[in-house]
C-alpha atoms as a PDB file:
ATOM      1  CA  UNK A   1       6.778 141.851 -77.366  1.00  0.00           C
ATOM      2  CA  UNK A   2       3.894 140.018 -79.096  1.00  0.00           C
ATOM      3  CA  UNK A   3       3.621 142.758 -82.018  1.00  0.00           C
ATOM      4  CA  UNK A   4       7.247 142.441 -83.196  1.00  0.00           C
ATOM      5  CA  UNK A   5       8.507 139.082 -81.458  1.00  0.00           C
ATOM      6  CA  UNK A   6      11.405 141.256 -80.098  1.00  0.00           C
ATOM      7  CA  UNK A   7      12.643 140.035 -76.849  1.00  0.00           C
ATOM      8  CA  UNK A   8      12.673 143.274 -74.636  1.00  0.00           C
ATOM      9  CA  UNK A   9      13.023 141.955 -71.073  1.00  0.00           C
ATOM     10  CA  UNK A  10      14.740 138.849 -69.807  1.00  0.00           C
ATOM     11  CA  UNK A  11      16.556 137.644 -66.763  1.00  0.00           C
ATOM     12  CA  UNK A  12      18.484 134.729 -65.287  1.00  0.00           C
ATOM     13  CA  UNK A  13      17.963 133.040 -61.947  1.00  0.00           C
ATOM     14  CA  UNK A  14      18.357 129.655 -60.175  1.00  0.00           C
ATOM     15  CA  UNK A  15      14.813 130.001 -58.676  1.00  0.00           C
ATOM     16  CA  UNK A  16      11.401 130.976 -59.994  1.00  0.00           C
ATOM     17  CA  UNK A  17      10.753 133.622 -57.433  1.00  0.00           C
ATOM     18  CA  UNK A  18       9.188 136.929 -58.175  1.00  0.00           C
ATOM     19  CA  UNK A  19      12.520 138.781 -58.399  1.00  0.00           C
ATOM     20  CA  UNK A  20      13.278 137.042 -61.796  1.00  0.00           C
ATOM     21  CA  UNK A  21      10.077 138.358 -63.502  1.00  0.00           C
ATOM     22  CA  UNK A  22      10.447 141.647 -61.861  1.00  0.00           C
ATOM     23  CA  UNK A  23      13.867 142.095 -63.226  1.00  0.00           C
ATOM     24  CA  UNK A  24      12.737 141.045 -66.715  1.00  0.00           C
ATOM     25  CA  UNK A  25       9.804 143.422 -66.525  1.00  0.00           C
ATOM     26  CA  UNK A  26      11.890 146.335 -65.458  1.00  0.00           C
ATOM     27  CA  UNK A  27      14.247 145.632 -68.346  1.00  0.00           C
ATOM     28  CA  UNK A  28      11.330 145.522 -70.682  1.00  0.00           C
ATOM     29  CA  UNK A  29       9.900 148.828 -69.389  1.00  0.00           C
ATOM     30  CA  UNK A  30      13.355 150.546 -69.826  1.00  0.00           C
ATOM     31  CA  UNK A  31      13.754 149.160 -73.325  1.00  0.00           C
ATOM     32  CA  UNK A  32      10.798 151.056 -74.532  1.00  0.00           C
ATOM     33  CA  UNK A  33      10.933 154.844 -74.777  1.00  0.00           C
ATOM     34  CA  UNK A  34       7.294 155.351 -74.725  1.00  0.00           C
ATOM     35  CA  UNK A  35       4.876 153.025 -72.765  1.00  0.00           C
ATOM     36  CA  UNK A  36       1.157 153.539 -73.026  1.00  0.00           C
ATOM     37  CA  UNK A  37      -1.243 152.599 -70.315  1.00  0.00           C
ATOM     38  CA  UNK A  38      -3.274 149.538 -71.066  1.00  0.00           C
ATOM     39  CA  UNK A  39      -0.512 147.383 -72.384  1.00  0.00           C
ATOM     40  CA  UNK A  40      -1.309 143.741 -71.845  1.00  0.00           C
ATOM     41  CA  UNK A  41       1.250 141.563 -69.913  1.00  0.00           C
ATOM     42  CA  UNK A  42       0.459 137.936 -70.605  1.00  0.00           C
ATOM     43  CA  UNK A  43       1.814 135.121 -68.662  1.00  0.00           C
ATOM     44  CA  UNK A  44       1.293 131.550 -67.344  1.00  0.00           C
ATOM     45  CA  UNK A  45      -0.156 131.132 -63.772  1.00  0.00           C
ATOM     46  CA  UNK A  46       3.183 130.771 -62.039  1.00  0.00           C
ATOM     47  CA  UNK A  47       3.481 132.112 -58.535  1.00  0.00           C
ATOM     48  CA  UNK A  48       6.019 134.690 -59.504  1.00  0.00           C
ATOM     49  CA  UNK A  49       3.333 136.371 -61.714  1.00  0.00           C
ATOM     50  CA  UNK A  50       0.788 136.416 -58.873  1.00  0.00           C
ATOM     51  CA  UNK A  51       3.121 138.036 -56.281  1.00  0.00           C
ATOM     52  CA  UNK A  52       2.223 141.382 -54.704  1.00  0.00           C
ATOM     53  CA  UNK A  53       5.468 142.968 -55.773  1.00  0.00           C
ATOM     54  CA  UNK A  54       5.032 142.004 -59.383  1.00  0.00           C
ATOM     55  CA  UNK A  55       1.388 143.030 -59.588  1.00  0.00           C
ATOM     56  CA  UNK A  56       2.401 146.434 -57.896  1.00  0.00           C
ATOM     57  CA  UNK A  57       4.786 147.141 -60.795  1.00  0.00           C
ATOM     58  CA  UNK A  58       2.121 146.217 -63.417  1.00  0.00           C
ATOM     59  CA  UNK A  59      -0.424 148.566 -61.658  1.00  0.00           C
ATOM     60  CA  UNK A  60       2.237 151.270 -61.297  1.00  0.00           C
ATOM     61  CA  UNK A  61       2.573 151.350 -65.137  1.00  0.00           C
ATOM     62  CA  UNK A  62      -1.135 150.811 -65.706  1.00  0.00           C
ATOM     63  CA  UNK A  63      -0.564 147.362 -67.408  1.00  0.00           C
ATOM     64  CA  UNK A  64      -3.349 144.968 -67.836  1.00  0.00           C
ATOM     65  CA  UNK A  65      -2.495 141.575 -66.544  1.00  0.00           C
ATOM     66  CA  UNK A  66      -3.562 138.432 -68.466  1.00  0.00           C
ATOM     67  CA  UNK A  67      -2.969 134.823 -67.522  1.00  0.00           C
ATOM     68  CA  UNK A  68      -3.299 131.677 -69.505  1.00  0.00           C
ATOM     69  CA  UNK A  69      -6.313 129.435 -68.723  1.00  0.00           C
ATOM     70  CA  UNK A  70      -5.522 126.562 -66.452  1.00  0.00           C
ATOM     71  CA  UNK A  71      -3.954 123.731 -68.293  1.00  0.00           C
ATOM     72  CA  UNK A  72      -4.070 125.462 -71.707  1.00  0.00           C
ATOM     73  CA  UNK A  73      -0.559 125.690 -73.268  1.00  0.00           C
ATOM     74  CA  UNK A  74      -1.864 127.364 -76.422  1.00  0.00           C
ATOM     75  CA  UNK A  75      -2.507 130.667 -74.502  1.00  0.00           C
ATOM     76  CA  UNK A  76       1.373 131.027 -74.350  1.00  0.00           C
ATOM     77  CA  UNK A  77       2.209 129.719 -77.815  1.00  0.00           C
ATOM     78  CA  UNK A  78       4.339 132.666 -78.723  1.00  0.00           C
ATOM     79  CA  UNK A  79       6.470 132.304 -75.502  1.00  0.00           C
ATOM     80  CA  UNK A  80       6.581 128.551 -75.812  1.00  0.00           C
ATOM     81  CA  UNK A  81       7.673 128.991 -79.524  1.00  0.00           C
ATOM     82  CA  UNK A  82      10.523 131.379 -78.409  1.00  0.00           C
ATOM     83  CA  UNK A  83      11.841 128.980 -75.663  1.00  0.00           C
ATOM     84  CA  UNK A  84      11.757 126.036 -78.104  1.00  0.00           C
ATOM     85  CA  UNK A  85      13.679 128.107 -80.569  1.00  0.00           C
ATOM     86  CA  UNK A  86      16.174 129.262 -77.945  1.00  0.00           C
ATOM     87  CA  UNK A  87      16.842 125.570 -76.883  1.00  0.00           C
ATOM     88  CA  UNK A  88      16.988 124.072 -80.259  1.00  0.00           C
ATOM     89  CA  UNK A  89      18.907 126.749 -82.134  1.00  0.00           C
ATOM     90  CA  UNK A  90      21.306 127.476 -79.301  1.00  0.00           C
ATOM     91  CA  UNK A  91      21.276 125.919 -75.895  1.00  0.00           C
ATOM     92  CA  UNK A  92      21.257 122.202 -76.952  1.00  0.00           C
ATOM     93  CA  UNK A  93      24.198 122.919 -79.345  1.00  0.00           C
ATOM     94  CA  UNK A  94      26.644 123.856 -76.633  1.00  0.00           C
ATOM     95  CA  UNK A  95      28.151 122.440 -73.360  1.00  0.00           C
ATOM     96  CA  UNK A  96      28.487 125.426 -71.207  1.00  0.00           C
ATOM     97  CA  UNK A  97      31.162 125.050 -68.504  1.00  0.00           C
ATOM     98  CA  UNK A  98      29.753 127.806 -66.168  1.00  0.00           C
ATOM     99  CA  UNK A  99      26.505 129.577 -65.587  1.00  0.00           C
ATOM    100  CA  UNK A 100      28.216 132.843 -66.535  1.00  0.00           C
ATOM    101  CA  UNK A 101      29.333 131.345 -69.897  1.00  0.00           C
ATOM    102  CA  UNK A 102      25.724 130.262 -70.520  1.00  0.00           C
ATOM    103  CA  UNK A 103      24.336 133.580 -69.375  1.00  0.00           C
ATOM    104  CA  UNK A 104      26.778 135.434 -71.862  1.00  0.00           C
ATOM    105  CA  UNK A 105      25.958 133.100 -74.751  1.00  0.00           C
ATOM    106  CA  UNK A 106      22.209 133.532 -74.263  1.00  0.00           C
ATOM    107  CA  UNK A 107      22.677 137.314 -73.993  1.00  0.00           C
ATOM    108  CA  UNK A 108      24.626 137.345 -77.342  1.00  0.00           C
ATOM    109  CA  UNK A 109      22.109 135.005 -78.960  1.00  0.00           C
ATOM    110  CA  UNK A 110      19.070 137.172 -77.937  1.00  0.00           C
ATOM    111  CA  UNK A 111      20.673 140.655 -78.504  1.00  0.00           C
ATOM    112  CA  UNK A 112      22.902 140.064 -81.404  1.00  0.00           C
ATOM    113  CA  UNK A 113      21.175 137.277 -83.304  1.00  0.00           C
ATOM    114  CA  UNK A 114      17.449 136.738 -82.419  1.00  0.00           C
ATOM    115  CA  UNK A 115      16.397 140.338 -82.201  1.00  0.00           C
ATOM    116  CA  UNK A 116      18.598 141.691 -85.052  1.00  0.00           C
ATOM    117  CA  UNK A 117      19.171 138.923 -87.612  1.00  0.00           C
ATOM    118  CA  UNK A 118      16.756 135.991 -87.264  1.00  0.00           C
ATOM    119  CA  UNK A 119      13.861 136.306 -89.568  1.00  0.00           C
ATOM    120  CA  UNK A 120      10.352 135.290 -88.849  1.00  0.00           C
ATOM    121  CA  UNK A 121       7.676 134.120 -91.225  1.00  0.00           C
ATOM    122  CA  UNK A 122       5.033 135.900 -89.062  1.00  0.00           C
ATOM    123  CA  UNK A 123       6.850 139.119 -89.689  1.00  0.00           C
ATOM    124  CA  UNK A 124       6.991 138.841 -93.429  1.00  0.00           C
ATOM    125  CA  UNK A 125      10.494 137.273 -93.222  1.00  0.00           C
ATOM    126  CA  UNK A 126      12.063 140.225 -91.278  1.00  0.00           C
ATOM    127  CA  UNK A 127      13.943 140.295 -87.966  1.00  0.00           C
ATOM    128  CA  UNK A 128      12.085 141.832 -85.043  1.00  0.00           C
ATOM    129  CA  UNK A 129      14.296 144.989 -85.222  1.00  0.00           C
ATOM    130  CA  UNK A 130      13.618 145.429 -88.958  1.00  0.00           C
ATOM    131  CA  UNK A 131       9.853 144.780 -88.528  1.00  0.00           C
ATOM    132  CA  UNK A 132       9.723 147.578 -85.836  1.00  0.00           C
ATOM    133  CA  UNK A 133      11.780 149.967 -87.856  1.00  0.00           C
ATOM    134  CA  UNK A 134       9.707 149.549 -91.021  1.00  0.00           C
ATOM    135  CA  UNK A 135       6.412 149.498 -89.174  1.00  0.00           C
ATOM    136  CA  UNK A 136       7.000 152.367 -86.784  1.00  0.00           C
END
C-alpha cells in the first residue's frame, strides 16, 4: 500500500506466471475491509501484469491499472526499496535449507516485523500498522 508502506498482498512462486500476482492481489483485496473503486494498482511491465486473468480481476474491482514507463526504474521506487530492504535486512543474512523455511521466514518478517515494528522515516518514524491506526 503506497499510502502506509504496509505489505497487504504477497505470494511465492517458482515462476513469474500470472498466478503469482493474482494470488497476491487477492490477498491484498481480502486484507482491506473496504475497497473503493478507482484504486490505482501500479506495477512494472511484466507479462504477469498484462495477462487477461489479472486484468479481469482489476476490472472486476474497478481498479485503475498503472504501469511503469519502459526502462524507468524510478516509477517503481517504493517497490524496489521494499525488495532491497527485504533482501538486505533479512534474506541475505540467512542460509535457508528449504523453500518452505524461506517462505516461513519471509512470512514472519513481513507480518510480524515489517508491518508491525519496522519504522519508516517517510511515515514520521512509525510502523505501517501504527501509521494506519493513527491516520484512519
